[in-house]
Amino acid sequence: MAFEVVIEEVLVYGLDDWVMLSAFTSVVSSELGINDWLTVRPHVLTVMRTVLAEGWYEVGNVGEDGFHSWRLPLEDSLQRLEAEVLSLESWPHMGDPWFNLTPAGQEEAERIVRRTMEWLPPPALPLTAQELLDWLRSYLARGDGYPLRSIVLGVLRGMKVRTDADAREMIDRILRELLSDPDIQVKMETPPGSGSFRVNLAAPALPAMREQLSAIPDLEHMPDLFLLIRLKTIV
């Protein structure tokens, strides 16, 4: 997968909330398909250097009263971050440091979302099963693989569904099409470092997927490693 796609996913992830180091590394791990901390660590550092050097993220800590930037010169922030990351022998736990999109990062992330909308289907609902499948294939053909969360955000923002019920109906149809298509590979994953596993899924898994989705109160904040989806032809 192109490095640019990893950067884009990290930026879009920050549209929802502040991003802690453990979530940041999980996004990079998922996008690159690397499940070993010592192997993915250099890539995490490269992504961090890029988004900070471009001025897209600021790094800091989160307390009861919100996010507090370190407010250090770029090189000092990078050195502090690198020292913290390199000191970790296993996956980071929840907590500091945190990353927050800057206004420039917000603008860049929104630009990525707008560009994504250009090849999403029109917002008219309901789509036919074939239209939905064609859209999924066009989405997946643009990269090596995507977390389901990315596709969910595409539905919510690109298709402009009006209610949570509409969104959940569309996601259910997406899952049904994904799991029944022999050319699409769907893997369920847990975050690295937490008893991580990957399981190939097929149509019989749909009831379990529906149950897990129904337990998520806010689809826009669903776990980014819920499912990993890719076309078998480009694996």
C-alpha atoms as a PDB file:
ATOM      1  CA  MET A   1       0.000   0.000   0.000  1.00  0.00           C
ATOM      2  CA  ALA A   2       1.264   3.471  -0.860  1.00  0.00           C
ATOM      3  CA  PHE A   3       2.578   5.452   2.103  1.00  0.00           C
ATOM      4  CA  GLU A   4       0.269   8.314   1.124  1.00  0.00           C
ATOM      5  CA  VAL A   5      -2.761   6.134   1.856  1.00  0.00           C
ATOM      6  CA  VAL A   6      -1.503   5.523   5.398  1.00  0.00           C
ATOM      7  CA  ILE A   7      -1.077   9.271   5.932  1.00  0.00           C
ATOM      8  CA  GLU A   8      -4.566   9.932   4.586  1.00  0.00           C
ATOM      9  CA  GLU A   9      -6.157   7.375   6.907  1.00  0.00           C
ATOM     10  CA  VAL A  10      -4.309   8.809   9.905  1.00  0.00           C
ATOM     11  CA  LEU A  11      -5.531  12.311   9.018  1.00  0.00           C
ATOM     12  CA  VAL A  12      -9.163  11.284   8.490  1.00  0.00           C
ATOM     13  CA  TYR A  13      -9.050   9.367  11.770  1.00  0.00           C
ATOM     14  CA  GLY A  14      -8.303  12.636  13.565  1.00  0.00           C
ATOM     15  CA  LEU A  15     -11.528  14.269  12.349  1.00  0.00           C
ATOM     16  CA  ASP A  16     -13.463  12.448  15.053  1.00  0.00           C
ATOM     17  CA  ASP A  17     -11.452  13.234  18.170  1.00  0.00           C
ATOM     18  CA  TRP A  18      -7.998  13.521  19.658  1.00  0.00           C
ATOM     19  CA  VAL A  19      -5.877  10.484  18.807  1.00  0.00           C
ATOM     20  CA  MET A  20      -3.855   8.724  21.492  1.00  0.00           C
ATOM     21  CA  LEU A  21      -0.542   7.067  20.632  1.00  0.00           C
ATOM     22  CA  SER A  22      -1.979   3.544  20.892  1.00  0.00           C
ATOM     23  CA  ALA A  23      -4.766   4.357  18.405  1.00  0.00           C
ATOM     24  CA  PHE A  24      -2.294   6.123  16.123  1.00  0.00           C
ATOM     25  CA  THR A  25      -0.085   3.029  15.995  1.00  0.00           C
ATOM     26  CA  SER A  26      -3.101   0.764  15.466  1.00  0.00           C
ATOM     27  CA  VAL A  27      -4.117   2.735  12.369  1.00  0.00           C
ATOM     28  CA  VAL A  28      -0.603   2.461  10.912  1.00  0.00           C
ATOM     29  CA  SER A  29      -0.416  -1.248  11.780  1.00  0.00           C
ATOM     30  CA  SER A  30      -3.790  -1.956  10.192  1.00  0.00           C
ATOM     31  CA  GLU A  31      -3.099   0.015   7.031  1.00  0.00           C
ATOM     32  CA  LEU A  32       0.312  -1.638   6.517  1.00  0.00           C
ATOM     33  CA  GLY A  33      -0.832  -5.104   7.578  1.00  0.00           C
ATOM     34  CA  ILE A  34       1.989  -5.423  10.132  1.00  0.00           C
ATOM     35  CA  ASN A  35       1.156  -7.105  13.413  1.00  0.00           C
ATOM     36  CA  ASP A  36       4.574  -6.988  15.112  1.00  0.00           C
ATOM     37  CA  TRP A  37       5.433  -3.939  17.215  1.00  0.00           C
ATOM     38  CA  LEU A  38       9.173  -3.860  16.558  1.00  0.00           C
ATOM     39  CA  THR A  39       8.522  -4.170  12.815  1.00  0.00           C
ATOM     40  CA  VAL A  40       5.850  -1.484  12.635  1.00  0.00           C
ATOM     41  CA  ARG A  41       7.602   0.928  15.027  1.00  0.00           C
ATOM     42  CA  PRO A  42       9.872   2.560  12.375  1.00  0.00           C
ATOM     43  CA  HIS A  43       6.813   3.120  10.168  1.00  0.00           C
ATOM     44  CA  VAL A  44       4.955   4.721  13.073  1.00  0.00           C
ATOM     45  CA  LEU A  45       7.886   7.094  13.603  1.00  0.00           C
ATOM     46  CA  THR A  46       7.956   7.974   9.886  1.00  0.00           C
ATOM     47  CA  VAL A  47       4.227   8.770   9.892  1.00  0.00           C
ATOM     48  CA  MET A  48       4.612  10.870  13.036  1.00  0.00           C
ATOM     49  CA  ARG A  49       7.496  12.831  11.578  1.00  0.00           C
ATOM     50  CA  THR A  50       5.515  13.469   8.401  1.00  0.00           C
ATOM     51  CA  VAL A  51       2.266  14.687   9.967  1.00  0.00           C
ATOM     52  CA  LEU A  52       4.102  16.889  12.484  1.00  0.00           C
ATOM     53  CA  ALA A  53       6.541  18.311   9.921  1.00  0.00           C
ATOM     54  CA  GLU A  54       3.646  19.152   7.587  1.00  0.00           C
ATOM     55  CA  GLY A  55       1.907  20.950  10.448  1.00  0.00           C
ATOM     56  CA  TRP A  56      -1.139  18.645  10.269  1.00  0.00           C
ATOM     57  CA  TYR A  57      -1.003  17.398  13.855  1.00  0.00           C
ATOM     58  CA  GLU A  58       0.183  18.791  17.157  1.00  0.00           C
ATOM     59  CA  VAL A  59       1.233  16.507  19.977  1.00  0.00           C
ATOM     60  CA  GLY A  60       0.454  16.905  23.661  1.00  0.00           C
ATOM     61  CA  ASN A  61      -1.359  15.488  26.657  1.00  0.00           C
ATOM     62  CA  VAL A  62      -5.026  15.214  27.576  1.00  0.00           C
ATOM     63  CA  GLY A  63      -6.330  16.047  31.029  1.00  0.00           C
ATOM     64  CA  GLU A  64      -9.706  16.644  32.607  1.00  0.00           C
ATOM     65  CA  ASP A  65      -9.896  20.052  30.936  1.00  0.00           C
ATOM     66  CA  GLY A  66      -8.974  18.869  27.448  1.00  0.00           C
ATOM     67  CA  PHE A  67      -5.978  18.737  25.131  1.00  0.00           C
ATOM     68  CA  HIS A  68      -2.751  20.552  26.025  1.00  0.00           C
ATOM     69  CA  SER A  69      -0.114  20.924  23.327  1.00  0.00           C
ATOM     70  CA  TRP A  70       3.515  20.413  24.283  1.00  0.00           C
ATOM     71  CA  ARG A  71       4.195  23.725  22.490  1.00  0.00           C
ATOM     72  CA  LEU A  72       7.754  22.683  21.695  1.00  0.00           C
ATOM     73  CA  PRO A  73       9.765  23.445  18.564  1.00  0.00           C
ATOM     74  CA  LEU A  74       9.264  20.759  15.916  1.00  0.00           C
ATOM     75  CA  GLU A  75      12.639  19.079  16.430  1.00  0.00           C
ATOM     76  CA  ASP A  76      12.184  18.994  20.209  1.00  0.00           C
ATOM     77  CA  SER A  77       8.731  17.427  19.820  1.00  0.00           C
ATOM     78  CA  LEU A  78      10.099  14.834  17.412  1.00  0.00           C
ATOM     79  CA  GLN A  79      12.984  13.958  19.715  1.00  0.00           C
ATOM     80  CA  ARG A  80      10.665  13.588  22.695  1.00  0.00           C
ATOM     81  CA  LEU A  81       8.237  11.462  20.689  1.00  0.00           C
ATOM     82  CA  GLU A  82      10.969   9.261  19.260  1.00  0.00           C
ATOM     83  CA  ALA A  83      12.433   8.704  22.727  1.00  0.00           C
ATOM     84  CA  GLU A  84       9.026   7.637  24.055  1.00  0.00           C
ATOM     85  CA  VAL A  85       8.274   5.340  21.107  1.00  0.00           C
ATOM     86  CA  LEU A  86      11.737   3.766  21.005  1.00  0.00           C
ATOM     87  CA  SER A  87      11.567   3.052  24.737  1.00  0.00           C
ATOM     88  CA  LEU A  88       8.525   0.824  24.220  1.00  0.00           C
ATOM     89  CA  GLU A  89       9.285  -2.870  23.800  1.00  0.00           C
ATOM     90  CA  SER A  90       5.626  -3.707  23.155  1.00  0.00           C
ATOM     91  CA  TRP A  91       2.486  -1.978  21.890  1.00  0.00           C
ATOM     92  CA  PRO A  92       1.635   1.328  23.611  1.00  0.00           C
ATOM     93  CA  HIS A  93      -1.147   1.344  26.177  1.00  0.00           C
ATOM     94  CA  MET A  94      -3.989   3.838  26.411  1.00  0.00           C
ATOM     95  CA  GLY A  95      -2.992   7.338  27.393  1.00  0.00           C
ATOM     96  CA  ASP A  96      -0.409   9.990  26.601  1.00  0.00           C
ATOM     97  CA  PRO A  97       0.855  11.300  24.320  1.00  0.00           C
ATOM     98  CA  TRP A  98      -2.096  12.442  22.216  1.00  0.00           C
ATOM     99  CA  PHE A  99      -2.361  14.002  18.758  1.00  0.00           C
ATOM    100  CA  ASN A 100      -4.714  16.784  17.736  1.00  0.00           C
ATOM    101  CA  LEU A 101      -5.418  18.008  14.200  1.00  0.00           C
ATOM    102  CA  THR A 102      -4.270  21.552  13.565  1.00  0.00           C
ATOM    103  CA  PRO A 103      -6.436  23.844  11.395  1.00  0.00           C
ATOM    104  CA  ALA A 104      -4.191  22.884   8.453  1.00  0.00           C
ATOM    105  CA  GLY A 105      -4.622  19.206   9.302  1.00  0.00           C
ATOM    106  CA  GLN A 106      -8.377  19.627   9.576  1.00  0.00           C
ATOM    107  CA  GLU A 107      -8.442  21.260   6.150  1.00  0.00           C
ATOM    108  CA  GLU A 108      -6.310  18.496   4.625  1.00  0.00           C
ATOM    109  CA  ALA A 109      -8.436  15.730   6.180  1.00  0.00           C
ATOM    110  CA  GLU A 110     -11.635  17.356   4.930  1.00  0.00           C
ATOM    111  CA  ARG A 111     -10.073  17.673   1.472  1.00  0.00           C
ATOM    112  CA  ILE A 112      -9.429  13.917   1.511  1.00  0.00           C
ATOM    113  CA  VAL A 113     -13.034  13.257   2.484  1.00  0.00           C
ATOM    114  CA  ARG A 114     -14.321  15.592  -0.268  1.00  0.00           C
ATOM    115  CA  ARG A 115     -12.134  13.832  -2.829  1.00  0.00           C
ATOM    116  CA  THR A 116     -13.513  10.504  -1.618  1.00  0.00           C
ATOM    117  CA  MET A 117     -17.029  11.786  -2.177  1.00  0.00           C
ATOM    118  CA  GLU A 118     -16.250  12.405  -5.845  1.00  0.00           C
ATOM    119  CA  TRP A 119     -16.370   8.684  -6.578  1.00  0.00           C
ATOM    120  CA  LEU A 120     -19.087   7.753  -4.094  1.00  0.00           C
ATOM    121  CA  PRO A 121     -22.492   6.966  -5.571  1.00  0.00           C
ATOM    122  CA  PRO A 122     -25.179   9.662  -5.566  1.00  0.00           C
ATOM    123  CA  PRO A 123     -26.977  10.103  -2.248  1.00  0.00           C
ATOM    124  CA  ALA A 124     -30.248   8.703  -3.587  1.00  0.00           C
ATOM    125  CA  LEU A 125     -31.339   5.740  -1.448  1.00  0.00           C
ATOM    126  CA  PRO A 126     -31.893   2.877  -1.596  1.00  0.00           C
ATOM    127  CA  LEU A 127     -29.160   1.671  -3.934  1.00  0.00           C
ATOM    128  CA  THR A 128     -29.666  -1.572  -5.780  1.00  0.00           C
ATOM    129  CA  ALA A 129     -27.503  -4.497  -4.690  1.00  0.00           C
ATOM    130  CA  GLN A 130     -25.488  -4.192  -7.913  1.00  0.00           C
ATOM    131  CA  GLU A 131     -24.934  -0.444  -7.453  1.00  0.00           C
ATOM    132  CA  LEU A 132     -23.778  -1.082  -3.919  1.00  0.00           C
ATOM    133  CA  LEU A 133     -21.413  -3.853  -5.029  1.00  0.00           C
ATOM    134  CA  ASP A 134     -20.011  -1.694  -7.839  1.00  0.00           C
ATOM    135  CA  TRP A 135     -19.346   1.096  -5.333  1.00  0.00           C
ATOM    136  CA  LEU A 136     -17.603  -1.291  -2.946  1.00  0.00           C
ATOM    137  CA  ARG A 137     -15.366  -2.586  -5.712  1.00  0.00           C
ATOM    138  CA  SER A 138     -14.461   0.944  -6.834  1.00  0.00           C
ATOM    139  CA  TYR A 139     -13.597   1.790  -3.223  1.00  0.00           C
ATOM    140  CA  LEU A 140     -11.478  -1.288  -2.630  1.00  0.00           C
ATOM    141  CA  ALA A 141      -9.711  -1.077  -5.987  1.00  0.00           C
ATOM    142  CA  ARG A 142      -8.090   2.195  -4.884  1.00  0.00           C
ATOM    143  CA  GLY A 143      -5.877   0.550  -2.266  1.00  0.00           C
ATOM    144  CA  ASP A 144      -4.705  -2.658  -0.662  1.00  0.00           C
ATOM    145  CA  GLY A 145      -7.371  -2.840   2.009  1.00  0.00           C
ATOM    146  CA  TYR A 146      -9.534  -0.694   4.261  1.00  0.00           C
ATOM    147  CA  PRO A 147     -10.979  -0.935   7.766  1.00  0.00           C
ATOM    148  CA  LEU A 148     -14.765  -1.061   7.716  1.00  0.00           C
ATOM    149  CA  ARG A 149     -14.668   2.227   9.622  1.00  0.00           C
ATOM    150  CA  SER A 150     -13.402   3.982   6.485  1.00  0.00           C
ATOM    151  CA  ILE A 151     -16.324   2.653   4.468  1.00  0.00           C
ATOM    152  CA  VAL A 152     -18.771   3.613   7.226  1.00  0.00           C
ATOM    153  CA  LEU A 153     -17.471   7.199   7.182  1.00  0.00           C
ATOM    154  CA  GLY A 154     -17.855   7.194   3.401  1.00  0.00           C
ATOM    155  CA  VAL A 155     -21.488   6.183   3.795  1.00  0.00           C
ATOM    156  CA  LEU A 156     -22.259   8.713   6.512  1.00  0.00           C
ATOM    157  CA  ARG A 157     -20.516  11.653   4.846  1.00  0.00           C
ATOM    158  CA  GLY A 158     -20.659  10.795   1.160  1.00  0.00           C
ATOM    159  CA  MET A 159     -24.144   9.358   0.870  1.00  0.00           C
ATOM    160  CA  LYS A 160     -25.522  11.909   3.333  1.00  0.00           C
ATOM    161  CA  VAL A 161     -27.833   9.449   5.053  1.00  0.00           C
ATOM    162  CA  ARG A 162     -30.329  11.358   7.111  1.00  0.00           C
ATOM    163  CA  THR A 163     -30.799   9.250  10.236  1.00  0.00           C
ATOM    164  CA  ASP A 164     -28.896   6.717  12.300  1.00  0.00           C
ATOM    165  CA  ALA A 165     -31.462   4.096  11.250  1.00  0.00           C
ATOM    166  CA  ASP A 166     -30.750   4.848   7.561  1.00  0.00           C
ATOM    167  CA  ALA A 167     -27.014   4.571   8.225  1.00  0.00           C
ATOM    168  CA  ARG A 168     -27.362   1.246  10.008  1.00  0.00           C
ATOM    169  CA  GLU A 169     -29.569  -0.146   7.244  1.00  0.00           C
ATOM    170  CA  MET A 170     -26.943   0.844   4.666  1.00  0.00           C
ATOM    171  CA  ILE A 171     -24.098  -0.650   6.723  1.00  0.00           C
ATOM    172  CA  ASP A 172     -26.080  -3.874   7.097  1.00  0.00           C
ATOM    173  CA  ARG A 173     -26.492  -4.056   3.316  1.00  0.00           C
ATOM    174  CA  ILE A 174     -22.781  -3.353   2.858  1.00  0.00           C
ATOM    175  CA  LEU A 175     -21.883  -6.190   5.226  1.00  0.00           C
ATOM    176  CA  ARG A 176     -24.294  -8.536   3.471  1.00  0.00           C
ATOM    177  CA  GLU A 177     -22.736  -7.769   0.078  1.00  0.00           C
ATOM    178  CA  LEU A 178     -19.163  -7.928   1.401  1.00  0.00           C
ATOM    179  CA  LEU A 179     -19.575 -11.266   3.118  1.00  0.00           C
ATOM    180  CA  SER A 180     -21.348 -12.911   0.186  1.00  0.00           C
ATOM    181  CA  ASP A 181     -18.925 -11.783  -2.540  1.00  0.00           C
ATOM    182  CA  PRO A 182     -16.272 -14.464  -3.267  1.00  0.00           C
ATOM    183  CA  ASP A 183     -13.845 -11.859  -4.622  1.00  0.00           C
ATOM    184  CA  ILE A 184     -13.802  -9.746  -1.464  1.00  0.00           C
ATOM    185  CA  GLN A 185     -11.804 -10.845   1.569  1.00  0.00           C
ATOM    186  CA  VAL A 186     -13.078  -9.771   4.968  1.00  0.00           C
ATOM    187  CA  LYS A 187     -11.008 -10.273   8.116  1.00  0.00           C
ATOM    188  CA  MET A 188     -12.034  -9.560  11.665  1.00  0.00           C
ATOM    189  CA  GLU A 189      -9.199  -8.193  13.775  1.00  0.00           C
ATOM    190  CA  THR A 190      -8.462  -7.075  17.302  1.00  0.00           C
ATOM    191  CA  PRO A 191      -5.980  -4.295  18.070  1.00  0.00           C
ATOM    192  CA  PRO A 192      -2.335  -5.435  18.121  1.00  0.00           C
ATOM    193  CA  GLY A 193      -1.019  -6.288  21.549  1.00  0.00           C
ATOM    194  CA  SER A 194      -4.396  -7.322  22.970  1.00  0.00           C
ATOM    195  CA  GLY A 195      -4.433 -11.017  22.134  1.00  0.00           C
ATOM    196  CA  SER A 196      -4.574 -10.047  18.464  1.00  0.00           C
ATOM    197  CA  PHE A 197      -6.227 -12.389  15.992  1.00  0.00           C
ATOM    198  CA  ARG A 198      -7.355 -12.323  12.386  1.00  0.00           C
ATOM    199  CA  VAL A 199     -10.227 -14.469  11.165  1.00  0.00           C
ATOM    200  CA  ASN A 200     -11.448 -14.733   7.580  1.00  0.00           C
ATOM    201  CA  LEU A 201     -15.189 -14.180   7.500  1.00  0.00           C
ATOM    202  CA  ALA A 202     -17.967 -15.296   5.175  1.00  0.00           C
ATOM    203  CA  ALA A 203     -21.759 -14.947   4.977  1.00  0.00           C
ATOM    204  CA  PRO A 204     -22.529 -17.083   8.096  1.00  0.00           C
ATOM    205  CA  ALA A 205     -20.766 -14.427  10.186  1.00  0.00           C
ATOM    206  CA  LEU A 206     -23.371 -11.770   9.337  1.00  0.00           C
ATOM    207  CA  PRO A 207     -25.551 -12.227  12.466  1.00  0.00           C
ATOM    208  CA  ALA A 208     -22.497 -11.766  14.699  1.00  0.00           C
ATOM    209  CA  MET A 209     -21.477  -8.677  12.728  1.00  0.00           C
ATOM    210  CA  ARG A 210     -24.974  -7.224  13.098  1.00  0.00           C
ATOM    211  CA  GLU A 211     -24.907  -7.853  16.831  1.00  0.00           C
ATOM    212  CA  GLN A 212     -21.562  -6.094  17.225  1.00  0.00           C
ATOM    213  CA  LEU A 213     -22.703  -3.114  15.147  1.00  0.00           C
ATOM    214  CA  SER A 214     -25.909  -2.785  17.154  1.00  0.00           C
ATOM    215  CA  ALA A 215     -23.800  -2.430  20.311  1.00  0.00           C
ATOM    216  CA  ILE A 216     -21.934   0.599  18.895  1.00  0.00           C
ATOM    217  CA  PRO A 217     -23.901   3.714  19.941  1.00  0.00           C
ATOM    218  CA  ASP A 218     -22.192   6.090  17.510  1.00  0.00           C
ATOM    219  CA  LEU A 219     -21.215   4.715  14.089  1.00  0.00           C
ATOM    220  CA  GLU A 220     -18.828   7.594  13.432  1.00  0.00           C
ATOM    221  CA  HIS A 221     -16.740   6.453  16.407  1.00  0.00           C
ATOM    222  CA  MET A 222     -16.766   2.730  15.715  1.00  0.00           C
ATOM    223  CA  PRO A 223     -13.468   0.873  16.311  1.00  0.00           C
ATOM    224  CA  ASP A 224     -11.082   1.304  13.398  1.00  0.00           C
ATOM    225  CA  LEU A 225      -9.923  -2.328  13.544  1.00  0.00           C
ATOM    226  CA  PHE A 226     -13.407  -3.869  13.537  1.00  0.00           C
ATOM    227  CA  LEU A 227     -13.006  -5.366  10.064  1.00  0.00           C
ATOM    228  CA  LEU A 228     -10.340  -5.247   7.378  1.00  0.00           C
ATOM    229  CA  ILE A 229     -11.648  -5.496   3.830  1.00  0.00           C
ATOM    230  CA  ARG A 230      -9.781  -6.025   0.579  1.00  0.00           C
ATOM    231  CA  LEU A 231     -10.178  -7.380  -2.938  1.00  0.00           C
ATOM    232  CA  LYS A 232      -8.605 -10.816  -3.264  1.00  0.00           C
ATOM    233  CA  THR A 233      -7.308  -9.939  -6.730  1.00  0.00           C
ATOM    234  CA  ILE A 234      -4.947  -7.290  -5.321  1.00  0.00           C
ATOM    235  CA  VAL A 235      -3.826  -9.033  -2.120  1.00  0.00           C
END
